[in-house]
Amino acid sequence: MFKTNVGGLDRAARLCAGLVLLGLAATGVIGAWGWLGLVPLATGLMSSCPLYSVLGVSTCPAKG
């Protein structure tokens, strides 16, 4: 469906950041903006970032 443009290290960082933000928001440590952790979590799970597509960026290793 979406073009894969998020590589391994980028994907791991997105998943970790998303989970941390959601955990902090769920426990009330940070405000409601912590629910924005859904964005990096979703892009990490899909291995695709719409903003990367618009900017023509890819962190996936080159095929060859």
Protein backbone atom coordinates (compact mmCIF):
# COMPACT_ATOMS: atom_id res chain seq x y z
CA MET A 1 0.00 0.00 0.00
CA PHE A 2 2.66 2.50 1.08
CA LYS A 3 6.22 2.57 -0.20
CA THR A 4 8.68 1.40 2.44
CA ASN A 5 10.98 4.31 3.24
CA VAL A 6 11.83 3.77 6.92
CA GLY A 7 14.96 1.69 7.57
CA GLY A 8 15.83 -0.55 10.53
CA LEU A 9 17.43 1.91 12.96
CA ASP A 10 14.92 4.63 12.09
CA ARG A 11 12.07 2.16 12.57
CA ALA A 12 13.37 1.01 15.96
CA ALA A 13 13.75 4.62 17.13
CA ARG A 14 10.20 5.45 16.02
CA LEU A 15 8.75 2.41 17.78
CA CYS A 16 10.61 3.16 21.03
CA ALA A 17 9.75 6.87 20.99
CA GLY A 18 6.10 6.14 20.26
CA LEU A 19 5.80 3.58 23.03
CA VAL A 20 7.55 5.84 25.56
CA LEU A 21 5.34 8.82 24.70
CA LEU A 22 2.17 6.72 24.89
CA GLY A 23 3.25 5.18 28.19
CA LEU A 24 4.00 8.59 29.70
CA ALA A 25 0.68 9.98 28.46
CA ALA A 26 -1.26 6.97 29.76
CA THR A 27 0.25 7.31 33.23
CA GLY A 28 -0.30 11.07 33.35
CA VAL A 29 3.40 11.93 33.58
CA ILE A 30 3.11 14.22 30.56
CA GLY A 31 0.17 16.05 29.10
CA ALA A 32 -2.19 15.06 26.33
CA TRP A 33 0.42 15.87 23.68
CA GLY A 34 2.01 12.52 24.59
CA TRP A 35 -0.75 10.80 22.63
CA LEU A 36 1.02 12.13 19.53
CA GLY A 37 3.25 9.11 20.14
CA LEU A 38 0.73 7.31 17.96
CA VAL A 39 2.33 8.97 14.92
CA PRO A 40 5.87 7.57 15.28
CA LEU A 41 4.44 4.25 16.46
CA ALA A 42 2.22 3.94 13.37
CA THR A 43 4.95 4.99 10.93
CA GLY A 44 7.35 2.55 12.59
CA LEU A 45 4.87 -0.31 12.36
CA MET A 46 4.11 0.45 8.70
CA SER A 47 7.79 1.13 7.82
CA SER A 48 6.48 4.05 5.83
CA CYS A 49 6.47 7.78 6.54
CA PRO A 50 4.24 10.06 4.45
CA LEU A 51 6.48 13.06 5.18
CA TYR A 52 9.52 11.14 3.91
CA SER A 53 7.59 10.42 0.70
CA VAL A 54 6.79 14.10 0.19
CA LEU A 55 10.41 15.11 0.82
CA GLY A 56 11.87 12.23 -1.22
CA VAL A 57 13.77 10.83 1.76
CA SER A 58 14.42 7.16 2.52
CA THR A 59 16.40 5.58 5.34
CA CYS A 60 16.17 2.10 3.84
CA PRO A 61 19.43 0.57 2.70
CA ALA A 62 20.11 0.82 -1.03
CA LYS A 63 19.14 -2.24 -3.04
CA GLY A 64 21.87 -3.61 -5.18
